[in-house]
Amino acid sequence: MNESQILGVISELAHTQLGWSGPLEPEMDLVEDLQLDSLKLLTLAVNVENHFQICLDPDDEAGIRSVGDLVSVIEHKLTRGTECTP
C-alpha cells in the first residue's frame, strides 16, 4: 500500500469516524488543523490500528503530529510487517 492509498483510508476514517468534512492533506496538524481532542485522537488511533492491522506503540504516537506523520508511521509498519504484541 502506498502513501496515497494510506492517506485515502485515513481521510475516509476521518470523515466517517470523526466527522471531518474537508480535504485531508499531509501537512495538516492533527490537533490544530483537524481540531482533534484526546478522545478523537484515541478514536483515530484505534480505527487506524483496526483497519491496517497494526499496533501503534507510545513511541510511534509521540512522533505523530501531522497527517503526513501518521501516513509515514503506517507505511513503515506495513512494510516491516510487525505484529502486535499483547
N, C-alpha and C. Protein backbone atom coordinates (compact mmCIF):
# COMPACT_ATOMS: atom_id res chain seq x y z
N MET A 1 0.85 -1.17 0.00
CA MET A 1 0.00 0.00 0.00
C MET A 1 0.90 1.24 0.00
N ASN A 2 0.62 2.19 -0.89
CA ASN A 2 1.47 3.38 -0.97
C ASN A 2 0.89 4.53 -0.15
N GLU A 3 1.65 5.63 -0.08
CA GLU A 3 1.26 6.78 0.74
C GLU A 3 -0.10 7.34 0.34
N SER A 4 -0.36 7.42 -0.95
CA SER A 4 -1.63 7.95 -1.43
C SER A 4 -2.81 7.09 -0.98
N GLN A 5 -2.64 5.79 -1.05
CA GLN A 5 -3.70 4.88 -0.62
C GLN A 5 -3.92 4.98 0.89
N ILE A 6 -2.84 5.07 1.64
CA ILE A 6 -2.94 5.20 3.09
C ILE A 6 -3.65 6.51 3.45
N LEU A 7 -3.28 7.59 2.77
CA LEU A 7 -3.92 8.88 3.01
C LEU A 7 -5.42 8.79 2.71
N GLY A 8 -5.78 8.08 1.65
CA GLY A 8 -7.19 7.90 1.31
C GLY A 8 -7.96 7.19 2.41
N VAL A 9 -7.36 6.17 3.00
CA VAL A 9 -8.01 5.43 4.09
C VAL A 9 -8.14 6.33 5.31
N ILE A 10 -7.09 7.07 5.65
CA ILE A 10 -7.16 7.97 6.80
C ILE A 10 -8.23 9.03 6.58
N SER A 11 -8.31 9.53 5.36
CA SER A 11 -9.33 10.52 5.02
C SER A 11 -10.73 9.94 5.23
N GLU A 12 -10.93 8.72 4.77
CA GLU A 12 -12.23 8.07 4.94
C GLU A 12 -12.55 7.86 6.42
N LEU A 13 -11.56 7.43 7.19
CA LEU A 13 -11.76 7.25 8.63
C LEU A 13 -12.09 8.59 9.31
N ALA A 14 -11.40 9.65 8.92
CA ALA A 14 -11.66 10.97 9.50
C ALA A 14 -13.08 11.43 9.18
N HIS A 15 -13.54 11.13 7.99
CA HIS A 15 -14.90 11.53 7.60
C HIS A 15 -15.95 10.70 8.34
N THR A 16 -15.78 9.39 8.36
CA THR A 16 -16.82 8.53 8.93
C THR A 16 -16.76 8.44 10.45
N GLN A 17 -15.58 8.46 11.04
CA GLN A 17 -15.46 8.26 12.49
C GLN A 17 -15.33 9.55 13.29
N LEU A 18 -14.84 10.61 12.63
CA LEU A 18 -14.56 11.84 13.37
C LEU A 18 -15.39 13.03 12.90
N GLY A 19 -16.15 12.84 11.84
CA GLY A 19 -16.99 13.92 11.34
C GLY A 19 -16.24 15.01 10.59
N TRP A 20 -15.01 14.72 10.14
CA TRP A 20 -14.25 15.70 9.36
C TRP A 20 -14.88 15.85 8.00
N SER A 21 -15.07 17.08 7.54
CA SER A 21 -15.79 17.27 6.29
C SER A 21 -14.95 17.84 5.16
N GLY A 22 -13.74 18.23 5.42
CA GLY A 22 -12.91 18.84 4.37
C GLY A 22 -11.90 17.88 3.81
N PRO A 23 -11.07 18.38 2.89
CA PRO A 23 -10.00 17.55 2.35
C PRO A 23 -8.93 17.32 3.41
N LEU A 24 -8.20 16.26 3.27
CA LEU A 24 -7.14 15.92 4.21
C LEU A 24 -5.81 15.99 3.48
N GLU A 25 -4.90 16.80 3.99
CA GLU A 25 -3.59 16.98 3.37
C GLU A 25 -2.50 16.53 4.34
N PRO A 26 -1.38 16.00 3.84
CA PRO A 26 -0.31 15.50 4.72
C PRO A 26 0.22 16.54 5.70
N GLU A 27 0.25 17.80 5.31
CA GLU A 27 0.83 18.83 6.19
C GLU A 27 -0.11 19.28 7.30
N MET A 28 -1.33 18.80 7.31
CA MET A 28 -2.30 19.22 8.31
C MET A 28 -1.96 18.65 9.69
N ASP A 29 -1.99 19.53 10.70
CA ASP A 29 -1.74 19.13 12.07
C ASP A 29 -3.00 18.49 12.65
N LEU A 30 -2.83 17.36 13.33
CA LEU A 30 -3.99 16.62 13.85
C LEU A 30 -4.75 17.42 14.90
N VAL A 31 -4.05 18.16 15.75
CA VAL A 31 -4.72 18.91 16.81
C VAL A 31 -5.15 20.29 16.33
N GLU A 32 -4.22 21.01 15.72
CA GLU A 32 -4.51 22.38 15.31
C GLU A 32 -5.48 22.47 14.13
N ASP A 33 -5.19 21.74 13.06
CA ASP A 33 -6.00 21.84 11.85
C ASP A 33 -7.26 20.99 11.89
N LEU A 34 -7.12 19.76 12.38
CA LEU A 34 -8.29 18.88 12.43
C LEU A 34 -9.07 19.03 13.73
N GLN A 35 -8.50 19.75 14.68
CA GLN A 35 -9.13 20.02 15.97
C GLN A 35 -9.52 18.74 16.69
N LEU A 36 -8.59 17.78 16.71
CA LEU A 36 -8.84 16.52 17.39
C LEU A 36 -8.43 16.65 18.86
N ASP A 37 -9.38 16.38 19.75
CA ASP A 37 -9.06 16.34 21.17
C ASP A 37 -8.56 14.94 21.52
N SER A 38 -8.28 14.69 22.78
CA SER A 38 -7.70 13.40 23.16
C SER A 38 -8.61 12.23 22.82
N LEU A 39 -9.91 12.39 22.97
CA LEU A 39 -10.84 11.31 22.65
C LEU A 39 -10.86 11.02 21.14
N LYS A 40 -10.85 12.06 20.34
CA LYS A 40 -10.85 11.87 18.89
C LYS A 40 -9.52 11.30 18.40
N LEU A 41 -8.41 11.71 19.04
CA LEU A 41 -7.11 11.12 18.69
C LEU A 41 -7.10 9.63 18.99
N LEU A 42 -7.66 9.26 20.14
CA LEU A 42 -7.74 7.85 20.50
C LEU A 42 -8.64 7.10 19.52
N THR A 43 -9.76 7.69 19.15
CA THR A 43 -10.67 7.08 18.17
C THR A 43 -9.95 6.85 16.85
N LEU A 44 -9.20 7.85 16.40
CA LEU A 44 -8.45 7.72 15.15
C LEU A 44 -7.41 6.61 15.27
N ALA A 45 -6.68 6.59 16.38
CA ALA A 45 -5.63 5.57 16.57
C ALA A 45 -6.23 4.16 16.55
N VAL A 46 -7.32 3.96 17.25
CA VAL A 46 -7.96 2.64 17.29
C VAL A 46 -8.45 2.22 15.91
N ASN A 47 -9.06 3.14 15.20
CA ASN A 47 -9.55 2.82 13.86
C ASN A 47 -8.41 2.55 12.88
N VAL A 48 -7.32 3.27 13.01
CA VAL A 48 -6.15 3.03 12.16
C VAL A 48 -5.58 1.64 12.47
N GLU A 49 -5.43 1.32 13.76
CA GLU A 49 -4.91 0.00 14.13
C GLU A 49 -5.81 -1.11 13.60
N ASN A 50 -7.11 -0.95 13.75
CA ASN A 50 -8.05 -1.99 13.29
C ASN A 50 -8.04 -2.13 11.77
N HIS A 51 -8.05 -1.02 11.07
CA HIS A 51 -8.11 -1.09 9.60
C HIS A 51 -6.84 -1.69 9.02
N PHE A 52 -5.69 -1.20 9.48
CA PHE A 52 -4.41 -1.63 8.89
C PHE A 52 -3.83 -2.86 9.58
N GLN A 53 -4.47 -3.31 10.65
CA GLN A 53 -3.97 -4.46 11.42
C GLN A 53 -2.54 -4.25 11.90
N ILE A 54 -2.32 -3.07 12.50
CA ILE A 54 -1.03 -2.71 13.07
C ILE A 54 -1.25 -2.28 14.51
N CYS A 55 -0.17 -2.16 15.25
CA CYS A 55 -0.22 -1.62 16.61
C CYS A 55 0.65 -0.37 16.67
N LEU A 56 0.06 0.70 17.14
CA LEU A 56 0.81 1.93 17.36
C LEU A 56 1.30 1.92 18.80
N ASP A 57 2.61 1.96 18.99
CA ASP A 57 3.11 1.97 20.36
C ASP A 57 3.33 3.42 20.81
N PRO A 58 3.54 3.64 22.09
CA PRO A 58 3.69 5.01 22.60
C PRO A 58 4.79 5.82 21.89
N ASP A 59 5.87 5.16 21.49
CA ASP A 59 6.93 5.88 20.76
C ASP A 59 6.44 6.38 19.41
N ASP A 60 5.63 5.55 18.74
CA ASP A 60 5.03 5.97 17.47
C ASP A 60 4.13 7.18 17.68
N GLU A 61 3.25 7.06 18.66
CA GLU A 61 2.26 8.10 18.91
C GLU A 61 2.90 9.43 19.29
N ALA A 62 4.02 9.37 20.02
CA ALA A 62 4.70 10.59 20.44
C ALA A 62 5.23 11.39 19.25
N GLY A 63 5.57 10.72 18.17
CA GLY A 63 6.12 11.38 17.00
C GLY A 63 5.10 11.78 15.95
N ILE A 64 3.83 11.50 16.19
CA ILE A 64 2.80 11.80 15.20
C ILE A 64 2.15 13.13 15.54
N ARG A 65 2.41 14.12 14.72
CA ARG A 65 1.81 15.45 14.89
C ARG A 65 0.90 15.80 13.71
N SER A 66 1.27 15.33 12.53
CA SER A 66 0.53 15.71 11.33
C SER A 66 -0.05 14.47 10.65
N VAL A 67 -0.91 14.70 9.70
CA VAL A 67 -1.46 13.61 8.90
C VAL A 67 -0.32 12.88 8.19
N GLY A 68 0.64 13.62 7.67
CA GLY A 68 1.79 13.02 6.99
C GLY A 68 2.61 12.13 7.91
N ASP A 69 2.76 12.57 9.18
CA ASP A 69 3.47 11.73 10.16
C ASP A 69 2.75 10.40 10.34
N LEU A 70 1.44 10.46 10.44
CA LEU A 70 0.64 9.25 10.61
C LEU A 70 0.78 8.33 9.40
N VAL A 71 0.73 8.91 8.21
CA VAL A 71 0.90 8.13 6.98
C VAL A 71 2.26 7.43 7.00
N SER A 72 3.32 8.16 7.37
CA SER A 72 4.67 7.59 7.39
C SER A 72 4.79 6.43 8.37
N VAL A 73 4.22 6.59 9.56
CA VAL A 73 4.28 5.53 10.56
C VAL A 73 3.53 4.29 10.06
N ILE A 74 2.36 4.49 9.49
CA ILE A 74 1.57 3.36 8.97
C ILE A 74 2.34 2.66 7.86
N GLU A 75 2.89 3.43 6.92
CA GLU A 75 3.63 2.84 5.81
C GLU A 75 4.83 2.04 6.33
N HIS A 76 5.53 2.60 7.29
CA HIS A 76 6.69 1.91 7.88
C HIS A 76 6.27 0.60 8.54
N LYS A 77 5.19 0.63 9.30
CA LYS A 77 4.72 -0.59 9.97
C LYS A 77 4.25 -1.62 8.96
N LEU A 78 3.60 -1.19 7.90
CA LEU A 78 3.12 -2.14 6.88
C LEU A 78 4.28 -2.79 6.13
N THR A 79 5.32 -2.02 5.84
CA THR A 79 6.45 -2.59 5.10
C THR A 79 7.30 -3.49 5.99
N ARG A 80 7.37 -3.18 7.29
CA ARG A 80 8.12 -4.03 8.23
C ARG A 80 7.35 -5.28 8.60
N GLY A 81 6.04 -5.21 8.51
CA GLY A 81 5.23 -6.38 8.84
C GLY A 81 5.28 -6.76 10.31
N THR A 82 5.42 -5.76 11.18
CA THR A 82 5.50 -6.08 12.60
C THR A 82 4.15 -6.51 13.14
N GLU A 83 4.19 -7.45 14.02
CA GLU A 83 2.97 -7.97 14.64
C GLU A 83 2.71 -7.24 15.94
N CYS A 84 1.48 -7.22 16.34
CA CYS A 84 1.10 -6.62 17.62
C CYS A 84 1.44 -7.58 18.74
N THR A 85 1.92 -7.02 19.83
CA THR A 85 2.17 -7.85 21.00
C THR A 85 1.25 -7.42 22.12
N PRO A 86 0.63 -8.37 22.78
CA PRO A 86 -0.31 -8.00 23.85
C PRO A 86 0.38 -7.42 25.05
